[in-house]
C-alpha atoms as a PDB file:
ATOM      1  CA  MET A   1     -53.204  40.464  32.762  1.00  0.00           C
ATOM      2  CA  THR A   2     -52.825  38.397  36.366  1.00  0.00           C
ATOM      3  CA  SER A   3     -56.069  37.531  38.246  1.00  0.00           C
ATOM      4  CA  PRO A   4     -56.158  37.854  42.556  1.00  0.00           C
ATOM      5  CA  THR A   5     -56.058  33.898  42.370  1.00  0.00           C
ATOM      6  CA  GLY A   6     -52.766  33.997  40.306  1.00  0.00           C
ATOM      7  CA  GLU A   7     -54.035  33.283  37.206  1.00  0.00           C
ATOM      8  CA  VAL A   8     -52.116  34.754  33.679  1.00  0.00           C
ATOM      9  CA  TYR A   9     -53.942  35.917  30.973  1.00  0.00           C
ATOM     10  CA  ARG A  10     -51.806  36.851  27.468  1.00  0.00           C
ATOM     11  CA  ILE A  11     -53.081  38.857  24.593  1.00  0.00           C
ATOM     12  CA  ASP A  12     -50.293  39.628  22.160  1.00  0.00           C
ATOM     13  CA  TRP A  13     -51.267  41.421  18.727  1.00  0.00           C
ATOM     14  CA  LEU A  14     -50.357  40.046  15.969  1.00  0.00           C
ATOM     15  CA  PRO A  15     -48.538  42.972  14.192  1.00  0.00           C
ATOM     16  CA  GLY A  16     -49.605  43.439  10.516  1.00  0.00           C
ATOM     17  CA  THR A  17     -52.666  42.817  11.022  1.00  0.00           C
ATOM     18  CA  ASP A  18     -55.836  43.505  13.519  1.00  0.00           C
ATOM     19  CA  VAL A  19     -55.606  40.443  15.125  1.00  0.00           C
ATOM     20  CA  LEU A  20     -55.497  39.712  19.204  1.00  0.00           C
ATOM     21  CA  HIS A  21     -53.799  36.480  20.100  1.00  0.00           C
ATOM     22  CA  GLY A  22     -55.129  35.214  23.395  1.00  0.00           C
ATOM     23  CA  ILE A  23     -53.750  32.709  26.036  1.00  0.00           C
ATOM     24  CA  CYS A  24     -55.520  31.303  28.882  1.00  0.00           C
ATOM     25  CA  TYR A  25     -54.230  30.610  32.074  1.00  0.00           C
ATOM     26  CA  CYS A  26     -54.623  27.038  31.423  1.00  0.00           C
ATOM     27  CA  GLY A  27     -52.968  26.713  27.621  1.00  0.00           C
ATOM     28  CA  ARG A  28     -55.960  27.151  25.277  1.00  0.00           C
ATOM     29  CA  GLU A  29     -55.495  29.917  22.571  1.00  0.00           C
ATOM     30  CA  HIS A  30     -57.841  32.356  20.907  1.00  0.00           C
ATOM     31  CA  THR A  31     -57.881  34.924  18.561  1.00  0.00           C
ATOM     32  CA  ALA A  32     -60.149  37.780  17.818  1.00  0.00           C
ATOM     33  CA  GLN A  33     -60.252  41.417  15.881  1.00  0.00           C
ATOM     34  CA  ASP A  34     -62.504  42.070  18.989  1.00  0.00           C
ATOM     35  CA  PRO A  35     -60.844  43.264  22.259  1.00  0.00           C
ATOM     36  CA  ILE A  36     -63.791  43.262  24.399  1.00  0.00           C
ATOM     37  CA  GLU A  37     -64.788  39.233  22.584  1.00  0.00           C
ATOM     38  CA  MET A  38     -61.057  37.967  23.553  1.00  0.00           C
ATOM     39  CA  TRP A  39     -61.464  39.680  27.305  1.00  0.00           C
ATOM     40  CA  GLU A  40     -64.955  37.645  27.708  1.00  0.00           C
ATOM     41  CA  TRP A  41     -63.545  33.831  26.866  1.00  0.00           C
ATOM     42  CA  MET A  42     -60.919  34.720  28.620  1.00  0.00           C
ATOM     43  CA  LEU A  43     -63.273  36.035  31.818  1.00  0.00           C
ATOM     44  CA  ALA A  44     -65.371  32.826  30.760  1.00  0.00           C
ATOM     45  CA  HIS A  45     -62.946  30.036  31.891  1.00  0.00           C
ATOM     46  CA  PRO A  46     -63.573  27.190  32.264  1.00  0.00           C
ATOM     47  CA  GLN A  47     -66.724  27.753  30.285  1.00  0.00           C
ATOM     48  CA  GLY A  48     -66.512  28.524  26.680  1.00  0.00           C
ATOM     49  CA  HIS A  49     -63.029  26.626  27.064  1.00  0.00           C
ATOM     50  CA  GLU A  50     -61.496  23.771  28.653  1.00  0.00           C
ATOM     51  CA  PRO A  51     -57.547  23.109  28.999  1.00  0.00           C
ATOM     52  CA  GLN A  52     -55.700  21.517  26.541  1.00  0.00           C
ATOM     53  CA  GLY A  53     -55.905  17.787  26.969  1.00  0.00           C
ATOM     54  CA  THR A  54     -59.315  17.492  27.910  1.00  0.00           C
ATOM     55  CA  SER A  55     -61.565  16.196  25.318  1.00  0.00           C
ATOM     56  CA  SER A  56     -64.910  18.115  24.449  1.00  0.00           C
END
């Protein structure tokens, strides 16, 4: 999915599992079984995760 501002969000289904693997436009990755949880994580950016290379 591409947002109106041009960020690309990618969610892949891992074959043979019930697991979704998401990659935010900032490079952070997340896995979840619930699609709602995955989209909430993605759309919470930057809250909930920080770009890779940033210390927490």
